[in-house]
Amino acid sequence: QGASGNALDIIFMVLLLGAGLHTFLTRTTSKPPAWMGKLETAGPKQSFRLGFLLLGVFPTDIVTSIAVGGSVARHGDPWWHVLPFVILTLLFISLPSLLLVVLGERGQKLLPKIRDWMNDNSWIVSECVIGLFVLITLNGMLS
């Protein structure tokens, strides 16, 4: 609380803005890693293992998680205040599987189109997520 809490909010904001700037500046040169192509032919076990490992490795994911967790901790909010964020994140992660279950064969035809769109526009999605966390941090700073 007090000055140290304000300093943490400023640090979180700088980290988030840095992540947003990096995402924007590398938007034209950013390409999916080569190993991601292997996911197209991976089995369920390999896909699950790789997905689980990747959730905690991407630098922007780490920065945003620290910012959200730090904001919740700094303001003394209970842990369940992050449940909407966790549920929404899990929904997005499970969306490809849900599409396959719900749409069946049509889902198999739709997923490659979605993948191509995401490859072309992933920086926009990243910027929106980072922007959301900037707003959350700003809200904490102003309250």
N, C-alpha and C. Protein backbone atom coordinates (compact mmCIF):
# COMPACT_ATOMS: atom_id res chain seq x y z
N GLN A 1 0.84 -1.18 0.00
CA GLN A 1 0.00 0.00 0.00
C GLN A 1 0.88 1.24 0.00
N GLY A 2 0.30 2.41 -0.23
CA GLY A 2 1.04 3.65 -0.19
C GLY A 2 2.01 3.78 -1.34
N ALA A 3 3.20 4.34 -1.05
CA ALA A 3 4.19 4.63 -2.08
C ALA A 3 4.69 3.36 -2.76
N SER A 4 4.91 2.29 -2.00
CA SER A 4 5.41 1.05 -2.61
C SER A 4 4.36 0.45 -3.55
N GLY A 5 3.09 0.56 -3.18
CA GLY A 5 2.01 0.07 -4.05
C GLY A 5 1.92 0.87 -5.33
N ASN A 6 2.08 2.19 -5.22
CA ASN A 6 2.07 3.03 -6.41
C ASN A 6 3.25 2.69 -7.31
N ALA A 7 4.41 2.43 -6.70
CA ALA A 7 5.59 2.07 -7.48
C ALA A 7 5.36 0.76 -8.23
N LEU A 8 4.72 -0.21 -7.57
CA LEU A 8 4.41 -1.48 -8.23
C LEU A 8 3.46 -1.28 -9.40
N ASP A 9 2.44 -0.46 -9.20
CA ASP A 9 1.51 -0.17 -10.30
C ASP A 9 2.25 0.45 -11.48
N ILE A 10 3.17 1.34 -11.20
CA ILE A 10 3.93 1.99 -12.27
C ILE A 10 4.81 0.96 -12.98
N ILE A 11 5.44 0.08 -12.21
CA ILE A 11 6.27 -0.97 -12.81
C ILE A 11 5.42 -1.88 -13.69
N PHE A 12 4.24 -2.29 -13.19
CA PHE A 12 3.35 -3.13 -13.99
C PHE A 12 2.95 -2.42 -15.27
N MET A 13 2.63 -1.14 -15.16
CA MET A 13 2.21 -0.38 -16.33
C MET A 13 3.35 -0.28 -17.34
N VAL A 14 4.55 -0.03 -16.88
CA VAL A 14 5.71 0.05 -17.79
C VAL A 14 5.92 -1.29 -18.48
N LEU A 15 5.84 -2.39 -17.74
CA LEU A 15 5.99 -3.72 -18.34
C LEU A 15 4.92 -3.99 -19.39
N LEU A 16 3.68 -3.65 -19.07
CA LEU A 16 2.59 -3.86 -20.03
C LEU A 16 2.75 -3.00 -21.28
N LEU A 17 3.09 -1.73 -21.08
CA LEU A 17 3.28 -0.85 -22.23
C LEU A 17 4.48 -1.30 -23.06
N GLY A 18 5.52 -1.81 -22.40
CA GLY A 18 6.67 -2.35 -23.13
C GLY A 18 6.28 -3.57 -23.96
N ALA A 19 5.48 -4.44 -23.38
CA ALA A 19 5.00 -5.62 -24.11
C ALA A 19 4.14 -5.21 -25.30
N GLY A 20 3.29 -4.20 -25.09
CA GLY A 20 2.46 -3.70 -26.18
C GLY A 20 3.28 -3.07 -27.29
N LEU A 21 4.28 -2.30 -26.92
CA LEU A 21 5.15 -1.67 -27.91
C LEU A 21 5.93 -2.72 -28.68
N HIS A 22 6.47 -3.71 -27.98
CA HIS A 22 7.21 -4.78 -28.65
C HIS A 22 6.32 -5.53 -29.63
N THR A 23 5.10 -5.84 -29.22
CA THR A 23 4.15 -6.54 -30.09
C THR A 23 3.87 -5.71 -31.33
N PHE A 24 3.67 -4.41 -31.15
CA PHE A 24 3.36 -3.54 -32.29
C PHE A 24 4.56 -3.43 -33.23
N LEU A 25 5.74 -3.24 -32.69
CA LEU A 25 6.93 -3.04 -33.53
C LEU A 25 7.33 -4.30 -34.30
N THR A 26 7.01 -5.46 -33.76
CA THR A 26 7.40 -6.71 -34.43
C THR A 26 6.24 -7.35 -35.19
N ARG A 27 5.16 -6.62 -35.37
CA ARG A 27 3.96 -7.21 -35.99
C ARG A 27 4.20 -7.67 -37.43
N THR A 28 5.06 -6.98 -38.19
CA THR A 28 5.27 -7.37 -39.59
C THR A 28 6.33 -8.45 -39.74
N THR A 29 7.21 -8.59 -38.78
CA THR A 29 8.27 -9.59 -38.88
C THR A 29 7.96 -10.84 -38.06
N SER A 30 6.95 -10.76 -37.23
CA SER A 30 6.61 -11.88 -36.36
C SER A 30 5.97 -12.99 -37.18
N LYS A 31 6.49 -14.17 -37.00
CA LYS A 31 5.93 -15.35 -37.65
C LYS A 31 5.79 -16.46 -36.61
N PRO A 32 4.85 -17.36 -36.83
CA PRO A 32 4.73 -18.47 -35.89
C PRO A 32 6.02 -19.30 -35.88
N PRO A 33 6.41 -19.80 -34.73
CA PRO A 33 7.61 -20.64 -34.67
C PRO A 33 7.44 -21.92 -35.50
N ALA A 34 8.55 -22.46 -35.96
CA ALA A 34 8.51 -23.66 -36.81
C ALA A 34 7.85 -24.84 -36.08
N TRP A 35 8.08 -24.95 -34.77
CA TRP A 35 7.52 -26.08 -34.03
C TRP A 35 6.00 -26.05 -34.02
N MET A 36 5.40 -24.87 -34.24
CA MET A 36 3.94 -24.80 -34.22
C MET A 36 3.33 -25.57 -35.38
N GLY A 37 4.06 -25.65 -36.49
CA GLY A 37 3.58 -26.44 -37.62
C GLY A 37 3.43 -27.90 -37.28
N LYS A 38 4.24 -28.38 -36.34
CA LYS A 38 4.17 -29.78 -35.92
C LYS A 38 2.87 -30.08 -35.18
N LEU A 39 2.22 -29.05 -34.64
CA LEU A 39 0.97 -29.27 -33.92
C LEU A 39 -0.15 -29.76 -34.84
N GLU A 40 -0.02 -29.45 -36.14
CA GLU A 40 -1.06 -29.87 -37.07
C GLU A 40 -1.14 -31.39 -37.19
N THR A 41 -0.02 -32.06 -36.95
CA THR A 41 -0.01 -33.52 -37.06
C THR A 41 0.18 -34.21 -35.71
N ALA A 42 0.22 -33.43 -34.65
CA ALA A 42 0.46 -33.99 -33.31
C ALA A 42 -0.77 -34.72 -32.80
N GLY A 43 -0.51 -35.73 -32.00
CA GLY A 43 -1.60 -36.45 -31.34
C GLY A 43 -2.08 -35.69 -30.12
N PRO A 44 -3.15 -36.15 -29.51
CA PRO A 44 -3.70 -35.45 -28.34
C PRO A 44 -2.71 -35.31 -27.18
N LYS A 45 -1.97 -36.38 -26.90
CA LYS A 45 -1.04 -36.36 -25.78
C LYS A 45 0.07 -35.32 -26.00
N GLN A 46 0.67 -35.34 -27.19
CA GLN A 46 1.73 -34.38 -27.51
C GLN A 46 1.19 -32.94 -27.51
N SER A 47 0.01 -32.74 -28.07
CA SER A 47 -0.60 -31.41 -28.11
C SER A 47 -0.87 -30.88 -26.71
N PHE A 48 -1.41 -31.74 -25.85
CA PHE A 48 -1.70 -31.32 -24.49
C PHE A 48 -0.43 -30.95 -23.75
N ARG A 49 0.60 -31.78 -23.86
CA ARG A 49 1.87 -31.54 -23.17
C ARG A 49 2.49 -30.22 -23.65
N LEU A 50 2.53 -30.02 -24.95
CA LEU A 50 3.11 -28.80 -25.49
C LEU A 50 2.29 -27.57 -25.10
N GLY A 51 0.98 -27.66 -25.19
CA GLY A 51 0.12 -26.55 -24.80
C GLY A 51 0.27 -26.19 -23.34
N PHE A 52 0.36 -27.19 -22.50
CA PHE A 52 0.53 -26.97 -21.06
C PHE A 52 1.85 -26.26 -20.77
N LEU A 53 2.91 -26.69 -21.44
CA LEU A 53 4.21 -26.05 -21.23
C LEU A 53 4.23 -24.62 -21.75
N LEU A 54 3.57 -24.37 -22.87
CA LEU A 54 3.60 -23.05 -23.48
C LEU A 54 2.83 -22.00 -22.70
N LEU A 55 1.86 -22.43 -21.93
CA LEU A 55 1.06 -21.47 -21.17
C LEU A 55 1.91 -20.63 -20.22
N GLY A 56 3.00 -21.19 -19.74
CA GLY A 56 3.82 -20.46 -18.78
C GLY A 56 5.14 -19.96 -19.32
N VAL A 57 5.36 -20.05 -20.65
CA VAL A 57 6.67 -19.73 -21.19
C VAL A 57 6.70 -18.41 -21.96
N PHE A 58 5.63 -18.03 -22.63
CA PHE A 58 5.67 -16.82 -23.46
C PHE A 58 5.86 -15.59 -22.59
N PRO A 59 6.82 -14.73 -22.93
CA PRO A 59 7.12 -13.55 -22.11
C PRO A 59 5.91 -12.63 -21.90
N THR A 60 5.11 -12.41 -22.94
CA THR A 60 3.95 -11.53 -22.76
C THR A 60 2.94 -12.14 -21.81
N ASP A 61 2.81 -13.47 -21.83
CA ASP A 61 1.91 -14.14 -20.90
C ASP A 61 2.41 -13.99 -19.47
N ILE A 62 3.70 -14.11 -19.29
CA ILE A 62 4.29 -13.97 -17.95
C ILE A 62 4.09 -12.55 -17.44
N VAL A 63 4.35 -11.55 -18.29
CA VAL A 63 4.21 -10.15 -17.88
C VAL A 63 2.76 -9.84 -17.52
N THR A 64 1.82 -10.27 -18.36
CA THR A 64 0.41 -9.97 -18.07
C THR A 64 -0.06 -10.71 -16.82
N SER A 65 0.39 -11.94 -16.62
CA SER A 65 0.01 -12.67 -15.41
C SER A 65 0.56 -11.99 -14.16
N ILE A 66 1.79 -11.53 -14.22
CA ILE A 66 2.38 -10.81 -13.09
C ILE A 66 1.62 -9.52 -12.82
N ALA A 67 1.27 -8.82 -13.89
CA ALA A 67 0.54 -7.55 -13.73
C ALA A 67 -0.83 -7.78 -13.09
N VAL A 68 -1.56 -8.77 -13.57
CA VAL A 68 -2.90 -9.04 -13.02
C VAL A 68 -2.78 -9.53 -11.58
N GLY A 69 -1.90 -10.49 -11.34
CA GLY A 69 -1.72 -11.01 -9.98
C GLY A 69 -1.24 -9.94 -9.03
N GLY A 70 -0.32 -9.11 -9.49
CA GLY A 70 0.19 -8.02 -8.65
C GLY A 70 -0.89 -7.00 -8.31
N SER A 71 -1.73 -6.70 -9.29
CA SER A 71 -2.81 -5.75 -9.05
C SER A 71 -3.81 -6.30 -8.04
N VAL A 72 -4.17 -7.57 -8.18
CA VAL A 72 -5.11 -8.19 -7.25
C VAL A 72 -4.51 -8.22 -5.84
N ALA A 73 -3.24 -8.62 -5.75
CA ALA A 73 -2.58 -8.71 -4.44
C ALA A 73 -2.42 -7.33 -3.81
N ARG A 74 -2.03 -6.35 -4.62
CA ARG A 74 -1.80 -5.00 -4.10
C ARG A 74 -3.06 -4.39 -3.52
N HIS A 75 -4.19 -4.67 -4.16
CA HIS A 75 -5.44 -4.07 -3.70
C HIS A 75 -6.17 -4.93 -2.68
N GLY A 76 -5.57 -6.06 -2.33
CA GLY A 76 -6.16 -6.91 -1.31
C GLY A 76 -7.45 -7.58 -1.75
N ASP A 77 -7.64 -7.70 -3.05
CA ASP A 77 -8.84 -8.37 -3.55
C ASP A 77 -8.75 -9.86 -3.28
N PRO A 78 -9.89 -10.51 -3.06
CA PRO A 78 -9.87 -11.96 -2.86
C PRO A 78 -9.52 -12.67 -4.16
N TRP A 79 -9.02 -13.90 -4.04
CA TRP A 79 -8.56 -14.66 -5.19
C TRP A 79 -9.66 -14.88 -6.22
N TRP A 80 -10.90 -14.99 -5.79
CA TRP A 80 -11.97 -15.29 -6.72
C TRP A 80 -12.31 -14.12 -7.65
N HIS A 81 -11.74 -12.95 -7.41
CA HIS A 81 -11.94 -11.83 -8.33
C HIS A 81 -11.28 -12.07 -9.69
N VAL A 82 -10.34 -12.99 -9.74
CA VAL A 82 -9.69 -13.30 -11.02
C VAL A 82 -10.39 -14.44 -11.76
N LEU A 83 -11.43 -15.02 -11.17
CA LEU A 83 -12.11 -16.14 -11.81
C LEU A 83 -12.68 -15.80 -13.19
N PRO A 84 -13.30 -14.64 -13.41
CA PRO A 84 -13.77 -14.35 -14.78
C PRO A 84 -12.62 -14.36 -15.79
N PHE A 85 -11.47 -13.82 -15.40
CA PHE A 85 -10.29 -13.84 -16.27
C PHE A 85 -9.85 -15.28 -16.55
N VAL A 86 -9.79 -16.10 -15.53
CA VAL A 86 -9.35 -17.49 -15.69
C VAL A 86 -10.36 -18.26 -16.55
N ILE A 87 -11.64 -18.08 -16.30
CA ILE A 87 -12.67 -18.79 -17.06
C ILE A 87 -12.64 -18.37 -18.53
N LEU A 88 -12.52 -17.08 -18.79
CA LEU A 88 -12.45 -16.61 -20.17
C LEU A 88 -11.20 -17.14 -20.87
N THR A 89 -10.08 -17.16 -20.16
CA THR A 89 -8.84 -17.70 -20.73
C THR A 89 -9.01 -19.17 -21.07
N LEU A 90 -9.58 -19.94 -20.16
CA LEU A 90 -9.80 -21.36 -20.41
C LEU A 90 -10.77 -21.59 -21.57
N LEU A 91 -11.77 -20.72 -21.69
CA LEU A 91 -12.71 -20.83 -22.81
C LEU A 91 -11.98 -20.62 -24.13
N PHE A 92 -11.14 -19.60 -24.21
CA PHE A 92 -10.40 -19.34 -25.44
C PHE A 92 -9.44 -20.49 -25.76
N ILE A 93 -8.81 -21.05 -24.74
CA ILE A 93 -7.89 -22.15 -24.96
C ILE A 93 -8.63 -23.38 -25.47
N SER A 94 -9.82 -23.62 -24.96
CA SER A 94 -10.57 -24.81 -25.34
C SER A 94 -11.43 -24.62 -26.59
N LEU A 95 -11.48 -23.42 -27.13
CA LEU A 95 -12.35 -23.13 -28.27
C LEU A 95 -12.12 -24.05 -29.47
N PRO A 96 -10.88 -24.35 -29.88
CA PRO A 96 -10.72 -25.27 -31.02
C PRO A 96 -11.34 -26.65 -30.76
N SER A 97 -11.15 -27.18 -29.57
CA SER A 97 -11.73 -28.49 -29.25
C SER A 97 -13.25 -28.41 -29.22
N LEU A 98 -13.77 -27.33 -28.64
CA LEU A 98 -15.23 -27.17 -28.59
C LEU A 98 -15.82 -27.04 -29.99
N LEU A 99 -15.12 -26.33 -30.88
CA LEU A 99 -15.60 -26.21 -32.26
C LEU A 99 -15.65 -27.57 -32.94
N LEU A 100 -14.65 -28.40 -32.71
CA LEU A 100 -14.65 -29.74 -33.30
C LEU A 100 -15.79 -30.59 -32.76
N VAL A 101 -16.05 -30.49 -31.47
CA VAL A 101 -17.13 -31.28 -30.86
C VAL A 101 -18.49 -30.81 -31.37
N VAL A 102 -18.67 -29.49 -31.41
CA VAL A 102 -19.98 -28.94 -31.78
C VAL A 102 -20.23 -29.01 -33.29
N LEU A 103 -19.21 -28.66 -34.09
CA LEU A 103 -19.41 -28.57 -35.54
C LEU A 103 -18.97 -29.81 -36.31
N GLY A 104 -18.23 -30.69 -35.68
CA GLY A 104 -17.80 -31.91 -36.36
C GLY A 104 -16.95 -31.64 -37.57
N GLU A 105 -17.36 -32.18 -38.72
CA GLU A 105 -16.59 -32.05 -39.96
C GLU A 105 -16.48 -30.60 -40.41
N ARG A 106 -17.54 -29.83 -40.20
CA ARG A 106 -17.47 -28.40 -40.56
C ARG A 106 -16.42 -27.69 -39.73
N GLY A 107 -16.26 -28.12 -38.48
CA GLY A 107 -15.22 -27.55 -37.62
C GLY A 107 -13.83 -27.85 -38.15
N GLN A 108 -13.64 -29.06 -38.70
CA GLN A 108 -12.33 -29.41 -39.26
C GLN A 108 -11.99 -28.55 -40.47
N LYS A 109 -13.00 -28.12 -41.21
CA LYS A 109 -12.75 -27.24 -42.35
C LYS A 109 -12.57 -25.79 -41.90
N LEU A 110 -13.22 -25.42 -40.81
CA LEU A 110 -13.16 -24.04 -40.32
C LEU A 110 -11.86 -23.73 -39.59
N LEU A 111 -11.34 -24.68 -38.84
CA LEU A 111 -10.15 -24.43 -38.01
C LEU A 111 -8.93 -23.97 -38.82
N PRO A 112 -8.63 -24.55 -40.00
CA PRO A 112 -7.48 -24.02 -40.76
C PRO A 112 -7.66 -22.56 -41.18
N LYS A 113 -8.90 -22.17 -41.49
CA LYS A 113 -9.15 -20.78 -41.86
C LYS A 113 -8.93 -19.86 -40.66
N ILE A 114 -9.38 -20.30 -39.50
CA ILE A 114 -9.17 -19.53 -38.27
C ILE A 114 -7.68 -19.43 -37.97
N ARG A 115 -6.95 -20.55 -38.12
CA ARG A 115 -5.50 -20.56 -37.89
C ARG A 115 -4.80 -19.55 -38.80
N ASP A 116 -5.17 -19.54 -40.08
CA ASP A 116 -4.55 -18.60 -41.01
C ASP A 116 -4.85 -17.16 -40.63
N TRP A 117 -6.10 -16.90 -40.22
CA TRP A 117 -6.44 -15.54 -39.79
C TRP A 117 -5.63 -15.16 -38.56
N MET A 118 -5.52 -16.08 -37.60
CA MET A 118 -4.76 -15.80 -36.38
C MET A 118 -3.29 -15.57 -36.69
N ASN A 119 -2.73 -16.33 -37.63
CA ASN A 119 -1.33 -16.12 -38.00
C ASN A 119 -1.13 -14.72 -38.59
N ASP A 120 -2.09 -14.28 -39.39
CA ASP A 120 -1.98 -12.96 -40.01
C ASP A 120 -2.28 -11.82 -39.05
N ASN A 121 -3.11 -12.06 -38.04
CA ASN A 121 -3.59 -10.98 -37.17
C ASN A 121 -3.33 -11.22 -35.68
N SER A 122 -2.41 -12.08 -35.36
CA SER A 122 -2.17 -12.41 -33.95
C SER A 122 -1.72 -11.20 -33.14
N TRP A 123 -1.04 -10.26 -33.79
CA TRP A 123 -0.58 -9.08 -33.07
C TRP A 123 -1.77 -8.24 -32.59
N ILE A 124 -2.86 -8.23 -33.34
CA ILE A 124 -4.05 -7.47 -32.94
C ILE A 124 -4.66 -8.09 -31.69
N VAL A 125 -4.75 -9.41 -31.68
CA VAL A 125 -5.28 -10.11 -30.52
C VAL A 125 -4.41 -9.84 -29.30
N SER A 126 -3.09 -9.92 -29.49
CA SER A 126 -2.16 -9.66 -28.37
C SER A 126 -2.32 -8.24 -27.86
N GLU A 127 -2.43 -7.28 -28.75
CA GLU A 127 -2.60 -5.88 -28.34
C GLU A 127 -3.90 -5.68 -27.56
N CYS A 128 -4.97 -6.35 -27.97
CA CYS A 128 -6.24 -6.23 -27.24
C CYS A 128 -6.12 -6.79 -25.83
N VAL A 129 -5.45 -7.93 -25.69
CA VAL A 129 -5.27 -8.53 -24.37
C VAL A 129 -4.41 -7.62 -23.49
N ILE A 130 -3.31 -7.13 -24.04
CA ILE A 130 -2.43 -6.23 -23.27
C ILE A 130 -3.19 -4.96 -22.91
N GLY A 131 -3.98 -4.43 -23.84
CA GLY A 131 -4.80 -3.24 -23.57
C GLY A 131 -5.77 -3.47 -22.43
N LEU A 132 -6.36 -4.66 -22.37
CA LEU A 132 -7.27 -4.99 -21.27
C LEU A 132 -6.53 -4.93 -19.93
N PHE A 133 -5.33 -5.48 -19.89
CA PHE A 133 -4.56 -5.47 -18.65
C PHE A 133 -4.09 -4.05 -18.29
N VAL A 134 -3.83 -3.23 -19.30
CA VAL A 134 -3.49 -1.83 -19.02
C VAL A 134 -4.68 -1.15 -18.36
N LEU A 135 -5.87 -1.40 -18.88
CA LEU A 135 -7.08 -0.81 -18.28
C LEU A 135 -7.30 -1.29 -16.86
N ILE A 136 -7.07 -2.58 -16.62
CA ILE A 136 -7.22 -3.13 -15.27
C ILE A 136 -6.23 -2.45 -14.32
N THR A 137 -4.99 -2.32 -14.77
CA THR A 137 -3.96 -1.69 -13.94
C THR A 137 -4.28 -0.22 -13.70
N LEU A 138 -4.73 0.49 -14.76
CA LEU A 138 -5.12 1.89 -14.59
C LEU A 138 -6.25 2.04 -13.60
N ASN A 139 -7.23 1.15 -13.68
CA ASN A 139 -8.35 1.18 -12.76
C ASN A 139 -7.85 1.04 -11.32
N GLY A 140 -6.90 0.13 -11.12
CA GLY A 140 -6.32 -0.05 -9.78
C GLY A 140 -5.54 1.17 -9.32
N MET A 141 -4.86 1.83 -10.26
CA MET A 141 -4.07 3.01 -9.90
C MET A 141 -4.97 4.19 -9.50
N LEU A 142 -6.13 4.26 -10.16
CA LEU A 142 -7.02 5.40 -9.92
C LEU A 142 -7.95 5.20 -8.74
N SER A 143 -8.05 3.96 -8.27
CA SER A 143 -8.97 3.72 -7.15
C SER A 143 -8.26 3.72 -5.82
